[in-house]
Amino acid sequence: MPHLTLAQVESLAVVAHEGQTDKAGRPYAGHLRAVAEGVRARGGSEEQIAAAWLHDSVEDDALSPEWLESAELPRAVKDMVLALTKRPGEDLESYTGRILAVPGALLVKEADLAHNADPARLAVLDEPTRTRLTAKYATVRRLLGLSAD
């Protein structure tokens, strides 16, 4: 069976996250688009770009793990999405260790963190949230061995 095209993955992700917003109240698809573009700009593969579009889909209950498993996607895309899916109650060390263990996932997470930590995005949040998220993103970057942007 042929795999879904990038355009099909993008459409699927946008529809799956319809009605969801980011912490600033913006449509969530904007974050997915920014992460996918960030992966592309960092030289990511088509599989990594597909994973970027889907990186929050299971975690945010936009798509089920069963859907992902049966989707017409390369195994590498499914593995990256699952690696990037934070599990309830999971500590950051386990989460980042899984990302580091799955080929291709680190680049997607790097693009995700870059967009999440964008000063323009953080500026619209209240101070306690901005402080908490900035510290969390710095910790994740350190655990992943990524230098500060």
Protein backbone atom coordinates (compact mmCIF):
# COMPACT_ATOMS: atom_id res chain seq x y z
CA MET A 1 0.00 0.00 0.00
CA PRO A 2 1.29 3.47 -0.79
CA HIS A 3 2.03 5.76 2.12
CA LEU A 4 0.16 8.96 2.76
CA THR A 5 1.71 11.97 1.05
CA LEU A 6 3.00 14.90 3.08
CA ALA A 7 0.03 16.96 1.88
CA GLN A 8 -2.34 14.24 3.11
CA VAL A 9 -0.54 14.05 6.48
CA GLU A 10 -0.77 17.85 6.82
CA SER A 11 -4.51 17.83 6.03
CA LEU A 12 -5.11 14.97 8.44
CA ALA A 13 -3.24 16.73 11.25
CA VAL A 14 -5.04 20.03 10.70
CA VAL A 15 -8.46 18.31 10.76
CA ALA A 16 -7.53 16.14 13.76
CA HIS A 17 -6.55 19.20 15.82
CA GLU A 18 -9.51 21.31 14.64
CA GLY A 19 -10.97 23.28 17.52
CA GLN A 20 -7.80 22.89 19.62
CA THR A 21 -5.79 25.95 20.55
CA ASP A 22 -2.31 26.57 21.90
CA LYS A 23 -1.64 28.13 25.31
CA ALA A 24 -2.12 31.59 23.78
CA GLY A 25 -5.52 30.66 22.34
CA ARG A 26 -4.36 30.46 18.72
CA PRO A 27 -5.45 27.59 16.41
CA TYR A 28 -3.20 24.63 17.12
CA ALA A 29 -2.53 23.97 13.44
CA GLY A 30 -0.27 27.05 13.45
CA HIS A 31 2.08 25.31 15.89
CA LEU A 32 2.12 22.14 13.78
CA ARG A 33 2.89 24.17 10.65
CA ALA A 34 5.73 26.00 12.42
CA VAL A 35 7.27 22.74 13.67
CA ALA A 36 7.00 21.13 10.22
CA GLU A 37 8.63 24.20 8.65
CA GLY A 38 11.30 24.15 11.37
CA VAL A 39 12.10 20.53 10.54
CA ARG A 40 12.27 21.37 6.83
CA ALA A 41 14.54 24.37 7.52
CA ARG A 42 16.85 22.13 9.59
CA GLY A 43 17.24 19.73 6.66
CA GLY A 44 14.80 17.12 7.92
CA SER A 45 13.55 14.25 5.78
CA GLU A 46 10.00 13.85 4.49
CA GLU A 47 9.47 11.28 7.26
CA GLN A 48 10.59 13.80 9.89
CA ILE A 49 8.32 16.47 8.40
CA ALA A 50 5.39 14.02 8.52
CA ALA A 51 6.24 13.23 12.15
CA ALA A 52 6.32 16.98 12.87
CA TRP A 53 2.76 17.35 11.59
CA LEU A 54 1.65 14.46 13.81
CA HIS A 55 3.96 14.99 16.82
CA ASP A 56 1.22 16.06 19.25
CA SER A 57 -1.69 14.11 17.75
CA VAL A 58 -1.65 11.12 20.12
CA GLU A 59 -0.60 13.12 23.20
CA ASP A 60 -3.44 15.62 22.61
CA ASP A 61 -5.99 12.86 21.87
CA ALA A 62 -6.49 14.23 18.35
CA LEU A 63 -5.69 10.76 16.97
CA SER A 64 -5.63 7.43 18.75
CA PRO A 65 -2.58 5.18 19.09
CA GLU A 66 -4.62 2.58 17.19
CA TRP A 67 -5.17 5.00 14.32
CA LEU A 68 -1.46 5.75 14.19
CA GLU A 69 -0.53 2.07 14.21
CA SER A 70 -2.87 1.27 11.30
CA ALA A 71 -2.13 4.44 9.29
CA GLU A 72 -0.45 4.14 5.91
CA LEU A 73 2.76 5.71 7.18
CA PRO A 74 6.35 4.50 7.23
CA ARG A 75 7.32 2.71 10.46
CA ALA A 76 9.91 5.44 11.08
CA VAL A 77 7.18 8.13 11.17
CA LYS A 78 5.09 6.10 13.63
CA ASP A 79 8.14 5.48 15.81
CA MET A 80 9.03 9.18 15.90
CA VAL A 81 5.45 10.20 16.78
CA LEU A 82 5.33 7.64 19.59
CA ALA A 83 8.75 8.76 20.86
CA LEU A 84 7.56 12.39 20.92
CA THR A 85 4.33 11.49 22.77
CA LYS A 86 4.73 12.34 26.45
CA ARG A 87 2.94 9.78 28.59
CA PRO A 88 0.82 10.70 31.64
CA GLY A 89 3.02 11.02 34.72
CA GLU A 90 6.20 10.40 32.75
CA ASP A 91 9.34 12.17 33.99
CA LEU A 92 11.40 14.27 31.60
CA GLU A 93 14.40 11.93 31.79
CA SER A 94 12.37 8.96 30.47
CA TYR A 95 10.72 11.12 27.82
CA THR A 96 13.96 12.64 26.54
CA GLY A 97 15.73 9.26 26.68
CA ARG A 98 13.08 7.80 24.36
CA ILE A 99 13.46 10.73 21.95
CA LEU A 100 17.23 10.22 21.86
CA ALA A 101 16.78 6.48 21.24
CA VAL A 102 14.54 6.85 18.16
CA PRO A 103 16.27 7.85 14.92
CA GLY A 104 14.99 11.18 13.59
CA ALA A 105 12.96 12.20 16.65
CA LEU A 106 15.54 14.62 18.06
CA LEU A 107 15.35 16.97 15.07
CA VAL A 108 11.55 17.09 15.33
CA LYS A 109 11.74 17.84 19.07
CA GLU A 110 14.36 20.52 18.43
CA ALA A 111 11.99 22.27 16.00
CA ASP A 112 9.11 21.85 18.48
CA LEU A 113 11.14 23.38 21.32
CA ALA A 114 12.32 26.23 19.12
CA HIS A 115 8.73 27.18 18.32
CA ASN A 116 7.48 26.65 21.88
CA ALA A 117 10.28 28.85 23.25
CA ASP A 118 9.82 31.58 20.64
CA PRO A 119 9.84 34.86 22.62
CA ALA A 120 6.91 36.17 20.58
CA ARG A 121 4.81 33.14 21.57
CA LEU A 122 5.88 33.30 25.20
CA ALA A 123 5.26 37.06 25.42
CA VAL A 124 1.48 36.64 25.25
CA LEU A 125 1.40 34.29 28.26
CA ASP A 126 1.10 35.38 31.88
CA GLU A 127 4.38 35.69 33.79
CA PRO A 128 4.07 32.52 35.94
CA THR A 129 3.26 30.39 32.88
CA ARG A 130 6.05 32.01 30.85
CA THR A 131 8.58 31.40 33.66
CA ARG A 132 7.47 27.79 34.18
CA LEU A 133 7.57 26.94 30.48
CA THR A 134 10.91 28.68 29.87
CA ALA A 135 12.48 26.60 32.67
CA LYS A 136 10.87 23.38 31.38
CA TYR A 137 12.05 23.96 27.81
CA ALA A 138 15.59 24.70 29.04
CA THR A 139 15.60 21.45 31.04
CA VAL A 140 14.39 19.44 28.06
CA ARG A 141 17.03 21.04 25.81
CA ARG A 142 19.73 20.17 28.36
CA LEU A 143 18.53 16.57 28.68
CA LEU A 144 18.55 16.24 24.90
CA GLY A 145 22.05 17.72 24.61
CA LEU A 146 20.82 20.70 22.59
CA SER A 147 22.56 24.04 22.94
CA ALA A 148 20.53 27.12 23.78
CA ASP A 149 18.98 28.79 20.72
